[in-house]
Amino acid sequence: MRALLVAVVAASATLTGTAAPRAGQNPFESTAAVTSLNKIDDIVFGQLKRLNIKPASLSSDAVFVRRAFLDVIGTLPTADEARTFIDDQSPSKRPALIDRLIERPEYADYWAMRWGDVLRIKSEFPINLWPNAVQAYHRFVKTAIRDNMPYDRFVRELLTQNGSNFRVAPVNFYRAVQSKDPHTLASTVALTFMGTRTERWPKERLDGMAVFFSQIGYKPTGEWKEEIVYFDPGKASGASAAGAPRTPVFPDGTKATIAPGQDPREVFAAWLISPANPWFARAAANRVWYWLMGRGVIQEPDDIRPDNPPGNPELLGYLEKAFVASRYDLKALGRLILNSATYQLSSMPQTATPEAETNFAHALIRPLDAEVLVDAINQITGAGEQYQSAIPEPYTFIPPDVRSIALGDGSVTSAFLETFGRPPRDSGLASERNSRPTASQRLQLLNGGDIQRKIQQGPKMQSLLQVGGGGQQVIVNLYLTILSRMPTDGEMKATAGYVQSAGGNRRQAALDLAWALINSAEFRFRH
């Protein structure tokens, strides 16, 4: 019977890149005309017109509310939130929703998770920050995101601070690497804040940049695992093969002048965050675009180099200039992207070619991140997650009701997170997050005992099955809770028939429906 229900759910509304649902049964697209909403759209639609690519239709309100919640706060809308937004007739409801989501506390949790991957926030090998330092580091990042600290100030603090890694959180940037060698530190800075990989650089270029990070000192304290990171002016500033002091050289080839006793990191940071810097704002704008759109204007977002040009140079140039003009306001950059028609397009292409995807002619369908997926399942069912850590510290215990997007420590994990591709945070590369679906993931959702237990016993799921209004109301609530939309007429007829055929075991039939919806592509993917 469950196999029959899965087939019914899968056939009722098709979420693919090649076939749209039957006429009158399309919950994914809006009938509103696609028009430019801001400069992003002028640029994107202009390029699509030149390439003779037709953009997709706008997403439906149901798709938009789900997408916005997932992309901005990493959390599903509740049934009431989805229903309220769908029923709202205000023409400004989409911008209003974006503004509300950006100010919710989950925003800081979710984007701290994003930046935690880049900044390698974890306790255990090969990073070895240890729990006290991880707590301080994550708190600093989360607070900066919540308070909308300007990105240039955020980066300056990470690069130039001195002090205890337990008490001056930004210094953990220099400890969250696998080596304290100046060349390794320079490569990490380039990857994190310039979006470029130094493996392709000439040796002299990396040597010149490494000098800026050659006078960082580290010393222990009397407290276990605490370490002081500081500018050590007595430390040699790097030496050439002939033994002469090296000259610090910026990655653009300009030689730097450092006064006696001046911290070279201060000089480098001033160069890096300058509006004239050719990498800084571009890398950040491209990274935020990648996180919201599923693909960078330069793809991958940490592989910016001359022979990997942006797919739309005008678009990236505009995003970069807008970011600088906003004084490095990350919330303003996100708001600009989210309010574009380009972001709000349906995932159903009008032109099914690789060029349509690379030019953002439609939304990209991609699996939910591991943390977001398990949180969604727990939100639906009211269950919790069993976390574990290789670090045997008492303060690494995480209560099961803590959401996975709020985990500050990459070393704290669960069987589900491991299976669904949560990144190990070892390198800071975007490719560490494995979003490719696997057979083991499908088996976990279809047959995993933990998923079955959550559906069968989760307190919120039990409440969903006890609402008044009969079987049809239960079906509506399940669709709104799991898929953030109302069932189509065809879905209602098919699923109501399944529930009715269960006779006296309608509760189990409703649980079967919840199981089928959770296993649908529409739930497992962001679309």
Foldseek 3Di string as FASTA:
>chain_A
DLVVLLVLVCLQAPDDQADGHDPQRGQWADPDQQDWDDPLCVQLVVVCVVVVFAFFGFTQQLLLQQLLCCLQQLAGDFLVVLVVRNPDPDPCSQLVSNVVSLQDLSRLLQVLLVVCLLLLQACDPPLNLHDLLLVLQSVVSSVCSNVQPFPLVVVLLLQADWFKSNPSNSVSSCSRANDNQLLRSLQSCCLRFQLAGCVPPDPVLSQLQSLLSQQWDWDADPDPSMIITDGHLVGQSDADPVGHRDFRAHNVGHTDDDDRPGRSSNVNSVQRSDLPDPGGLLLVLQVSCCSSQVAGLQPPSSHDDPVRDGVRVVSSVVLSVVCVVVSRRPSVSNSVVSSTSLSRGGQHGPDPDPNCSSSSSHGHKFFRQLLSLVNLLCVQLVWFFQKDAPDPDPVVHDDRNDRSSNDSHLRIGHPSNVQQFDFSSHRSGPVSRDRDDDPVNLCCLQPNPVSLCSLVPRPNNVVLLPDDDPDLSSQQSLCCSQLVDGRRPSSSVVLVVQLVVVPPPSSVSSSSSSSSSSSHSSRRISD
